[in-house]
């Protein structure tokens, strides 16, 4: 399965590429150098300035921070993909974890990708964009693939929330947890990646390594290096799962 893996920043992309260090066969098994098992190319730049790395069966894209940038970068890479194109899109990076289910240094694989702040505030509470009748607020990754990914990496299988503003107060943490009691993590790109993938008729997965607890903002408590190491370790285990996945059943 040829997959596009979308990150927000270069440090995340570097961790994913580092994790994909072993032989990863390209799905078409073409013997040319660009398709050799484990082949890693120099990164190239797509129109729009998006940096993309080839690693065997996978292209790892740096699309930018936030759902809009993620959607634009993902859509660009998908539109420009050489035949036969991609069979899967993965949103990957670090994020905040909801304690105690997702501690710092752990991984979360999404069983739902949720646009948690896309909607409207009302006197009666928050209404999602779906409840407003303007679109969708949830994308569901293939259940069998998400379960296999979580098992291979030792990750928590749980909803991952996409937010445009990172949570930094106790009040917002409480509100999100009340609306999404099963949530494992929050990040800023997953739903944007999922929207672009859906526009191209492709399934999507999201993988997050936890760098901090969702809650009052405390930069001294962030463990970005630990999370990036966990991200690399996760993709070391995840690579064979993605490469061997045959698509939705």
C-alpha atoms as a PDB file:
ATOM      1  CA  UNK A   1       0.000   0.000   0.000  1.00  0.00           C
ATOM      2  CA  UNK A   2       1.492   3.320  -1.077  1.00  0.00           C
ATOM      3  CA  UNK A   3       0.698   5.924   1.562  1.00  0.00           C
ATOM      4  CA  UNK A   4       1.047   9.671   2.036  1.00  0.00           C
ATOM      5  CA  UNK A   5       2.032  10.545   5.606  1.00  0.00           C
ATOM      6  CA  UNK A   6       1.273  14.171   6.491  1.00  0.00           C
ATOM      7  CA  UNK A   7       3.030  16.058   9.286  1.00  0.00           C
ATOM      8  CA  UNK A   8       2.842  19.696  10.359  1.00  0.00           C
ATOM      9  CA  UNK A   9       6.521  20.522  10.866  1.00  0.00           C
ATOM     10  CA  UNK A  10       9.928  19.243   9.807  1.00  0.00           C
ATOM     11  CA  UNK A  11      10.792  17.751  13.209  1.00  0.00           C
ATOM     12  CA  UNK A  12       7.751  15.466  12.971  1.00  0.00           C
ATOM     13  CA  UNK A  13       8.574  14.461   9.395  1.00  0.00           C
ATOM     14  CA  UNK A  14      12.167  13.697  10.380  1.00  0.00           C
ATOM     15  CA  UNK A  15      10.937  11.447  13.199  1.00  0.00           C
ATOM     16  CA  UNK A  16       8.592   9.559  10.870  1.00  0.00           C
ATOM     17  CA  UNK A  17      11.348   9.096   8.278  1.00  0.00           C
ATOM     18  CA  UNK A  18      13.747   7.948  11.000  1.00  0.00           C
ATOM     19  CA  UNK A  19      11.195   5.401  12.157  1.00  0.00           C
ATOM     20  CA  UNK A  20      10.772   4.069   8.639  1.00  0.00           C
ATOM     21  CA  UNK A  21      14.423   3.004   8.643  1.00  0.00           C
ATOM     22  CA  UNK A  22      14.041  -0.664   7.732  1.00  0.00           C
ATOM     23  CA  UNK A  23      13.238  -2.110   4.316  1.00  0.00           C
ATOM     24  CA  UNK A  24       9.747  -1.038   3.281  1.00  0.00           C
ATOM     25  CA  UNK A  25       8.776  -2.621  -0.049  1.00  0.00           C
ATOM     26  CA  UNK A  26       7.106  -0.390  -2.592  1.00  0.00           C
ATOM     27  CA  UNK A  27       3.668  -1.775  -3.493  1.00  0.00           C
ATOM     28  CA  UNK A  28       4.300  -2.007  -7.227  1.00  0.00           C
ATOM     29  CA  UNK A  29       7.642  -3.852  -6.699  1.00  0.00           C
ATOM     30  CA  UNK A  30       9.181  -1.967  -9.621  1.00  0.00           C
ATOM     31  CA  UNK A  31      12.929  -2.688  -9.581  1.00  0.00           C
ATOM     32  CA  UNK A  32      14.029   0.858 -10.419  1.00  0.00           C
ATOM     33  CA  UNK A  33      16.017   2.791  -7.794  1.00  0.00           C
ATOM     34  CA  UNK A  34      13.102   5.028  -6.782  1.00  0.00           C
ATOM     35  CA  UNK A  35      11.049   1.944  -5.899  1.00  0.00           C
ATOM     36  CA  UNK A  36      13.680  -0.257  -4.253  1.00  0.00           C
ATOM     37  CA  UNK A  37      12.890  -1.663  -0.804  1.00  0.00           C
ATOM     38  CA  UNK A  38      13.910   0.835   1.854  1.00  0.00           C
ATOM     39  CA  UNK A  39      14.708   3.486  -0.778  1.00  0.00           C
ATOM     40  CA  UNK A  40      15.052   6.973   0.659  1.00  0.00           C
ATOM     41  CA  UNK A  41      15.356   9.971  -1.658  1.00  0.00           C
ATOM     42  CA  UNK A  42      16.426  13.523  -1.010  1.00  0.00           C
ATOM     43  CA  UNK A  43      13.374  15.607  -0.085  1.00  0.00           C
ATOM     44  CA  UNK A  44      11.797  17.564  -2.916  1.00  0.00           C
ATOM     45  CA  UNK A  45       9.605  20.649  -2.887  1.00  0.00           C
ATOM     46  CA  UNK A  46       6.085  20.639  -4.303  1.00  0.00           C
ATOM     47  CA  UNK A  47       4.280  23.721  -5.647  1.00  0.00           C
ATOM     48  CA  UNK A  48       3.286  25.800  -2.666  1.00  0.00           C
ATOM     49  CA  UNK A  49       6.619  25.114  -0.953  1.00  0.00           C
ATOM     50  CA  UNK A  50       5.596  21.796   0.614  1.00  0.00           C
ATOM     51  CA  UNK A  51       8.566  19.564   1.435  1.00  0.00           C
ATOM     52  CA  UNK A  52       8.082  15.849   0.753  1.00  0.00           C
ATOM     53  CA  UNK A  53      10.357  12.862   1.495  1.00  0.00           C
ATOM     54  CA  UNK A  54      10.186   9.487  -0.260  1.00  0.00           C
ATOM     55  CA  UNK A  55      10.787   6.466   1.921  1.00  0.00           C
ATOM     56  CA  UNK A  56      10.055   3.198   0.132  1.00  0.00           C
ATOM     57  CA  UNK A  57       6.284   2.791   0.006  1.00  0.00           C
ATOM     58  CA  UNK A  58       5.717   6.106   1.759  1.00  0.00           C
ATOM     59  CA  UNK A  59       5.893   9.807   1.017  1.00  0.00           C
ATOM     60  CA  UNK A  60       6.238  12.006   4.120  1.00  0.00           C
ATOM     61  CA  UNK A  61       4.903  15.534   3.674  1.00  0.00           C
ATOM     62  CA  UNK A  62       5.421  18.698   5.725  1.00  0.00           C
ATOM     63  CA  UNK A  63       2.144  20.568   5.233  1.00  0.00           C
ATOM     64  CA  UNK A  64       2.115  23.244   7.952  1.00  0.00           C
ATOM     65  CA  UNK A  65       0.296  23.865  11.214  1.00  0.00           C
ATOM     66  CA  UNK A  66      -3.477  23.841  11.601  1.00  0.00           C
ATOM     67  CA  UNK A  67      -6.359  22.218   9.744  1.00  0.00           C
ATOM     68  CA  UNK A  68      -6.424  24.657   6.815  1.00  0.00           C
ATOM     69  CA  UNK A  69      -2.706  24.294   6.057  1.00  0.00           C
ATOM     70  CA  UNK A  70      -2.954  20.535   6.501  1.00  0.00           C
ATOM     71  CA  UNK A  71      -5.864  20.290   4.064  1.00  0.00           C
ATOM     72  CA  UNK A  72      -4.162  22.493   1.470  1.00  0.00           C
ATOM     73  CA  UNK A  73      -0.846  20.643   1.644  1.00  0.00           C
ATOM     74  CA  UNK A  74      -2.462  17.218   1.572  1.00  0.00           C
ATOM     75  CA  UNK A  75      -4.686  18.120  -1.364  1.00  0.00           C
ATOM     76  CA  UNK A  76      -1.671  19.441  -3.284  1.00  0.00           C
ATOM     77  CA  UNK A  77       0.323  16.250  -2.758  1.00  0.00           C
ATOM     78  CA  UNK A  78      -2.630  14.043  -3.685  1.00  0.00           C
ATOM     79  CA  UNK A  79      -3.378  16.016  -6.842  1.00  0.00           C
ATOM     80  CA  UNK A  80       0.251  15.824  -7.999  1.00  0.00           C
ATOM     81  CA  UNK A  81       0.854  12.165  -7.117  1.00  0.00           C
ATOM     82  CA  UNK A  82       2.250  10.045  -9.919  1.00  0.00           C
ATOM     83  CA  UNK A  83       0.218   7.042 -11.052  1.00  0.00           C
ATOM     84  CA  UNK A  84      -1.010   4.815  -9.522  1.00  0.00           C
ATOM     85  CA  UNK A  85      -1.396   7.346  -6.715  1.00  0.00           C
ATOM     86  CA  UNK A  86      -1.859   6.703  -3.023  1.00  0.00           C
ATOM     87  CA  UNK A  87      -4.070   4.138  -1.336  1.00  0.00           C
ATOM     88  CA  UNK A  88      -3.993   5.688   2.141  1.00  0.00           C
ATOM     89  CA  UNK A  89      -3.369   9.021   3.854  1.00  0.00           C
ATOM     90  CA  UNK A  90      -1.977   9.230   7.408  1.00  0.00           C
ATOM     91  CA  UNK A  91      -1.943  12.302   9.644  1.00  0.00           C
ATOM     92  CA  UNK A  92       1.010  11.999  12.027  1.00  0.00           C
ATOM     93  CA  UNK A  93       2.748  14.097  14.639  1.00  0.00           C
ATOM     94  CA  UNK A  94       2.771  15.069  18.263  1.00  0.00           C
ATOM     95  CA  UNK A  95      -0.128  16.370  20.327  1.00  0.00           C
ATOM     96  CA  UNK A  96      -1.704  16.710  23.716  1.00  0.00           C
ATOM     97  CA  UNK A  97      -2.984  13.679  25.586  1.00  0.00           C
ATOM     98  CA  UNK A  98      -6.052  13.432  27.787  1.00  0.00           C
ATOM     99  CA  UNK A  99      -4.914  12.193  31.198  1.00  0.00           C
ATOM    100  CA  UNK A 100      -4.820   9.573  32.517  1.00  0.00           C
ATOM    101  CA  UNK A 101      -5.603   7.535  29.398  1.00  0.00           C
ATOM    102  CA  UNK A 102      -2.817   9.008  27.240  1.00  0.00           C
ATOM    103  CA  UNK A 103       0.273   9.927  29.291  1.00  0.00           C
ATOM    104  CA  UNK A 104       3.282  11.811  27.964  1.00  0.00           C
ATOM    105  CA  UNK A 105       5.393   9.632  25.680  1.00  0.00           C
ATOM    106  CA  UNK A 106       2.514   7.356  24.716  1.00  0.00           C
ATOM    107  CA  UNK A 107       0.884   6.949  21.307  1.00  0.00           C
ATOM    108  CA  UNK A 108      -2.743   7.392  20.285  1.00  0.00           C
ATOM    109  CA  UNK A 109      -4.234   5.932  17.099  1.00  0.00           C
ATOM    110  CA  UNK A 110      -7.533   7.528  16.105  1.00  0.00           C
ATOM    111  CA  UNK A 111     -10.673   5.460  15.798  1.00  0.00           C
ATOM    112  CA  UNK A 112     -12.405   8.773  14.984  1.00  0.00           C
ATOM    113  CA  UNK A 113     -10.991  12.076  13.749  1.00  0.00           C
ATOM    114  CA  UNK A 114     -13.159  14.819  15.216  1.00  0.00           C
ATOM    115  CA  UNK A 115     -13.366  18.539  14.388  1.00  0.00           C
ATOM    116  CA  UNK A 116     -13.856  19.528  18.007  1.00  0.00           C
ATOM    117  CA  UNK A 117     -14.204  23.291  17.633  1.00  0.00           C
ATOM    118  CA  UNK A 118     -15.830  23.535  14.193  1.00  0.00           C
ATOM    119  CA  UNK A 119     -19.358  24.759  14.879  1.00  0.00           C
ATOM    120  CA  UNK A 120     -21.122  27.402  16.927  1.00  0.00           C
ATOM    121  CA  UNK A 121     -21.384  28.420  20.558  1.00  0.00           C
ATOM    122  CA  UNK A 122     -24.988  28.881  21.714  1.00  0.00           C
ATOM    123  CA  UNK A 123     -26.630  29.699  25.057  1.00  0.00           C
ATOM    124  CA  UNK A 124     -27.477  25.993  25.254  1.00  0.00           C
ATOM    125  CA  UNK A 125     -23.911  24.881  24.519  1.00  0.00           C
ATOM    126  CA  UNK A 126     -21.690  24.012  21.563  1.00  0.00           C
ATOM    127  CA  UNK A 127     -23.224  22.795  18.299  1.00  0.00           C
ATOM    128  CA  UNK A 128     -21.077  20.912  15.805  1.00  0.00           C
ATOM    129  CA  UNK A 129     -21.066  21.821  12.139  1.00  0.00           C
ATOM    130  CA  UNK A 130     -22.992  18.590  11.552  1.00  0.00           C
ATOM    131  CA  UNK A 131     -25.689  19.638  14.008  1.00  0.00           C
ATOM    132  CA  UNK A 132     -25.869  22.999  12.263  1.00  0.00           C
ATOM    133  CA  UNK A 133     -26.490  21.210   8.966  1.00  0.00           C
ATOM    134  CA  UNK A 134     -23.400  22.598   7.244  1.00  0.00           C
ATOM    135  CA  UNK A 135     -21.236  19.510   6.786  1.00  0.00           C
ATOM    136  CA  UNK A 136     -19.487  16.796   8.746  1.00  0.00           C
ATOM    137  CA  UNK A 137     -17.440  16.945  11.901  1.00  0.00           C
ATOM    138  CA  UNK A 138     -16.138  13.350  12.117  1.00  0.00           C
ATOM    139  CA  UNK A 139     -14.113  11.066   9.859  1.00  0.00           C
ATOM    140  CA  UNK A 140     -13.798   7.374  10.705  1.00  0.00           C
ATOM    141  CA  UNK A 141     -10.549   5.590   9.810  1.00  0.00           C
ATOM    142  CA  UNK A 142     -10.860   1.979   8.605  1.00  0.00           C
ATOM    143  CA  UNK A 143     -11.613   0.111  11.842  1.00  0.00           C
ATOM    144  CA  UNK A 144      -9.502  -2.953  11.045  1.00  0.00           C
ATOM    145  CA  UNK A 145      -6.462  -0.867  10.073  1.00  0.00           C
ATOM    146  CA  UNK A 146      -6.758   1.384  13.127  1.00  0.00           C
ATOM    147  CA  UNK A 147      -6.976  -1.648  15.410  1.00  0.00           C
ATOM    148  CA  UNK A 148      -3.944  -3.279  13.768  1.00  0.00           C
ATOM    149  CA  UNK A 149      -1.987  -0.023  14.018  1.00  0.00           C
ATOM    150  CA  UNK A 150      -2.802   0.378  17.698  1.00  0.00           C
ATOM    151  CA  UNK A 151      -1.859  -3.231  18.435  1.00  0.00           C
ATOM    152  CA  UNK A 152       1.449  -3.006  16.547  1.00  0.00           C
ATOM    153  CA  UNK A 153       2.506   0.208  18.285  1.00  0.00           C
ATOM    154  CA  UNK A 154       1.019  -0.362  21.746  1.00  0.00           C
ATOM    155  CA  UNK A 155      -1.084   2.751  21.245  1.00  0.00           C
ATOM    156  CA  UNK A 156      -4.366   3.791  22.793  1.00  0.00           C
ATOM    157  CA  UNK A 157      -7.189   3.429  20.258  1.00  0.00           C
ATOM    158  CA  UNK A 158      -9.438   6.442  20.818  1.00  0.00           C
ATOM    159  CA  UNK A 159     -10.876   9.548  19.157  1.00  0.00           C
ATOM    160  CA  UNK A 160      -8.362  12.275  18.318  1.00  0.00           C
ATOM    161  CA  UNK A 161      -9.725  15.818  18.382  1.00  0.00           C
ATOM    162  CA  UNK A 162      -8.683  18.443  15.841  1.00  0.00           C
ATOM    163  CA  UNK A 163      -8.666  21.986  17.215  1.00  0.00           C
ATOM    164  CA  UNK A 164      -7.688  25.303  15.660  1.00  0.00           C
ATOM    165  CA  UNK A 165      -6.695  26.671  19.075  1.00  0.00           C
ATOM    166  CA  UNK A 166      -4.723  24.377  21.374  1.00  0.00           C
ATOM    167  CA  UNK A 167      -6.335  23.880  24.772  1.00  0.00           C
ATOM    168  CA  UNK A 168      -4.621  25.868  27.521  1.00  0.00           C
ATOM    169  CA  UNK A 169      -7.146  26.255  30.340  1.00  0.00           C
ATOM    170  CA  UNK A 170      -8.856  23.984  32.805  1.00  0.00           C
ATOM    171  CA  UNK A 171     -12.263  25.270  31.708  1.00  0.00           C
ATOM    172  CA  UNK A 172     -11.755  24.297  28.074  1.00  0.00           C
ATOM    173  CA  UNK A 173     -10.295  20.935  29.081  1.00  0.00           C
ATOM    174  CA  UNK A 174     -13.423  20.237  31.095  1.00  0.00           C
ATOM    175  CA  UNK A 175     -15.683  21.316  28.226  1.00  0.00           C
ATOM    176  CA  UNK A 176     -13.883  19.138  25.659  1.00  0.00           C
ATOM    177  CA  UNK A 177     -13.828  16.144  27.975  1.00  0.00           C
ATOM    178  CA  UNK A 178     -17.560  16.547  28.607  1.00  0.00           C
ATOM    179  CA  UNK A 179     -18.342  16.649  24.869  1.00  0.00           C
ATOM    180  CA  UNK A 180     -15.830  13.912  23.988  1.00  0.00           C
ATOM    181  CA  UNK A 181     -15.438  11.666  27.053  1.00  0.00           C
ATOM    182  CA  UNK A 182     -13.541   8.959  25.131  1.00  0.00           C
ATOM    183  CA  UNK A 183     -11.020  11.325  23.498  1.00  0.00           C
ATOM    184  CA  UNK A 184      -7.401  10.260  23.721  1.00  0.00           C
ATOM    185  CA  UNK A 185      -5.590  13.250  22.242  1.00  0.00           C
ATOM    186  CA  UNK A 186      -5.924  16.640  20.591  1.00  0.00           C
ATOM    187  CA  UNK A 187      -3.889  18.072  17.739  1.00  0.00           C
ATOM    188  CA  UNK A 188      -4.344  20.652  15.000  1.00  0.00           C
ATOM    189  CA  UNK A 189      -4.204  18.855  11.651  1.00  0.00           C
ATOM    190  CA  UNK A 190      -6.036  15.524  11.530  1.00  0.00           C
ATOM    191  CA  UNK A 191      -9.435  16.729  10.347  1.00  0.00           C
ATOM    192  CA  UNK A 192      -7.878  18.883   7.618  1.00  0.00           C
ATOM    193  CA  UNK A 193      -5.888  15.905   6.348  1.00  0.00           C
ATOM    194  CA  UNK A 194      -9.020  13.757   6.497  1.00  0.00           C
ATOM    195  CA  UNK A 195     -11.087  16.260   4.510  1.00  0.00           C
ATOM    196  CA  UNK A 196      -8.498  16.320   1.723  1.00  0.00           C
ATOM    197  CA  UNK A 197      -8.259  12.525   1.719  1.00  0.00           C
ATOM    198  CA  UNK A 198     -12.040  12.195   1.543  1.00  0.00           C
ATOM    199  CA  UNK A 199     -12.184  14.615  -1.398  1.00  0.00           C
ATOM    200  CA  UNK A 200      -9.901  12.187  -3.250  1.00  0.00           C
ATOM    201  CA  UNK A 201     -11.860   9.124  -2.135  1.00  0.00           C
ATOM    202  CA  UNK A 202      -9.073   7.839   0.125  1.00  0.00           C
ATOM    203  CA  UNK A 203      -9.140   6.338   3.624  1.00  0.00           C
ATOM    204  CA  UNK A 204      -7.331   8.158   6.420  1.00  0.00           C
ATOM    205  CA  UNK A 205      -5.553   7.240   9.650  1.00  0.00           C
ATOM    206  CA  UNK A 206      -4.217   9.479  12.434  1.00  0.00           C
ATOM    207  CA  UNK A 207      -1.317   8.715  14.785  1.00  0.00           C
ATOM    208  CA  UNK A 208      -0.266  11.036  17.619  1.00  0.00           C
ATOM    209  CA  UNK A 209       2.623  10.885  20.080  1.00  0.00           C
ATOM    210  CA  UNK A 210       1.817  12.693  23.324  1.00  0.00           C
ATOM    211  CA  UNK A 211       4.098  15.589  24.256  1.00  0.00           C
ATOM    212  CA  UNK A 212       1.958  17.183  26.977  1.00  0.00           C
ATOM    213  CA  UNK A 213      -1.233  16.755  28.927  1.00  0.00           C
ATOM    214  CA  UNK A 214      -4.318  18.554  27.650  1.00  0.00           C
ATOM    215  CA  UNK A 215      -4.955  21.212  30.283  1.00  0.00           C
ATOM    216  CA  UNK A 216      -3.647  24.539  31.599  1.00  0.00           C
ATOM    217  CA  UNK A 217      -0.727  25.673  29.438  1.00  0.00           C
ATOM    218  CA  UNK A 218       2.613  24.781  31.082  1.00  0.00           C
ATOM    219  CA  UNK A 219       5.531  24.791  28.652  1.00  0.00           C
ATOM    220  CA  UNK A 220       7.908  23.553  31.355  1.00  0.00           C
ATOM    221  CA  UNK A 221       5.946  20.303  31.429  1.00  0.00           C
ATOM    222  CA  UNK A 222       6.151  19.686  27.668  1.00  0.00           C
ATOM    223  CA  UNK A 223       8.298  16.749  26.562  1.00  0.00           C
ATOM    224  CA  UNK A 224       8.607  17.321  22.824  1.00  0.00           C
ATOM    225  CA  UNK A 225      11.819  15.327  22.454  1.00  0.00           C
ATOM    226  CA  UNK A 226      10.279  12.341  24.210  1.00  0.00           C
ATOM    227  CA  UNK A 227       7.207  12.548  21.991  1.00  0.00           C
ATOM    228  CA  UNK A 228       9.279  12.744  18.797  1.00  0.00           C
ATOM    229  CA  UNK A 229      11.210   9.652  19.881  1.00  0.00           C
ATOM    230  CA  UNK A 230       7.924   7.862  20.535  1.00  0.00           C
ATOM    231  CA  UNK A 231       6.710   8.931  17.085  1.00  0.00           C
ATOM    232  CA  UNK A 232       9.804   7.431  15.441  1.00  0.00           C
ATOM    233  CA  UNK A 233       9.463   4.218  17.437  1.00  0.00           C
ATOM    234  CA  UNK A 234       5.795   4.030  16.527  1.00  0.00           C
ATOM    235  CA  UNK A 235       6.461   4.288  12.798  1.00  0.00           C
ATOM    236  CA  UNK A 236       9.187   1.678  13.067  1.00  0.00           C
ATOM    237  CA  UNK A 237       6.454  -0.731  14.160  1.00  0.00           C
ATOM    238  CA  UNK A 238       3.744   0.768  11.974  1.00  0.00           C
ATOM    239  CA  UNK A 239       5.571   0.711   8.635  1.00  0.00           C
ATOM    240  CA  UNK A 240       5.019  -3.003   7.902  1.00  0.00           C
ATOM    241  CA  UNK A 241       1.356  -2.725   8.918  1.00  0.00           C
ATOM    242  CA  UNK A 242       0.725   0.119   6.489  1.00  0.00           C
ATOM    243  CA  UNK A 243       2.751  -1.442   3.677  1.00  0.00           C
ATOM    244  CA  UNK A 244       0.861  -4.750   3.927  1.00  0.00           C
ATOM    245  CA  UNK A 245      -2.644  -3.309   4.307  1.00  0.00           C
ATOM    246  CA  UNK A 246      -4.784  -4.245   1.332  1.00  0.00           C
ATOM    247  CA  UNK A 247      -7.328  -1.451   1.586  1.00  0.00           C
ATOM    248  CA  UNK A 248     -10.876  -1.297   2.990  1.00  0.00           C
ATOM    249  CA  UNK A 249     -12.681  -4.631   2.877  1.00  0.00           C
END
